[in-house]
């Protein structure tokens, strides 16, 4: 299922906030967790069509000597809104 980025942002942010960001041609960064499986799956599918413009990975020793790995990828979303 392909979702327009504007509609996807509306699912997790108040509509007026998204409209203000889009109307002023600003960028929006959203952190997405897996506790909303359908939203997460839709975003993964949408983002997988985009090549990452930048990636970063960190490996740390966390509590109880566990290795914590975090990976971040930046992908540019384009709005289909007119």
Foldseek 3Di string as FASTA:
>chain_A
DADFVLVLVVVPDPNVVSVVCVVVVHDDDDDDDCPPPVSVVNVCVNQVVFDFPDKDKDWDQDPPRDIDIDMDTHTDHDGPDD
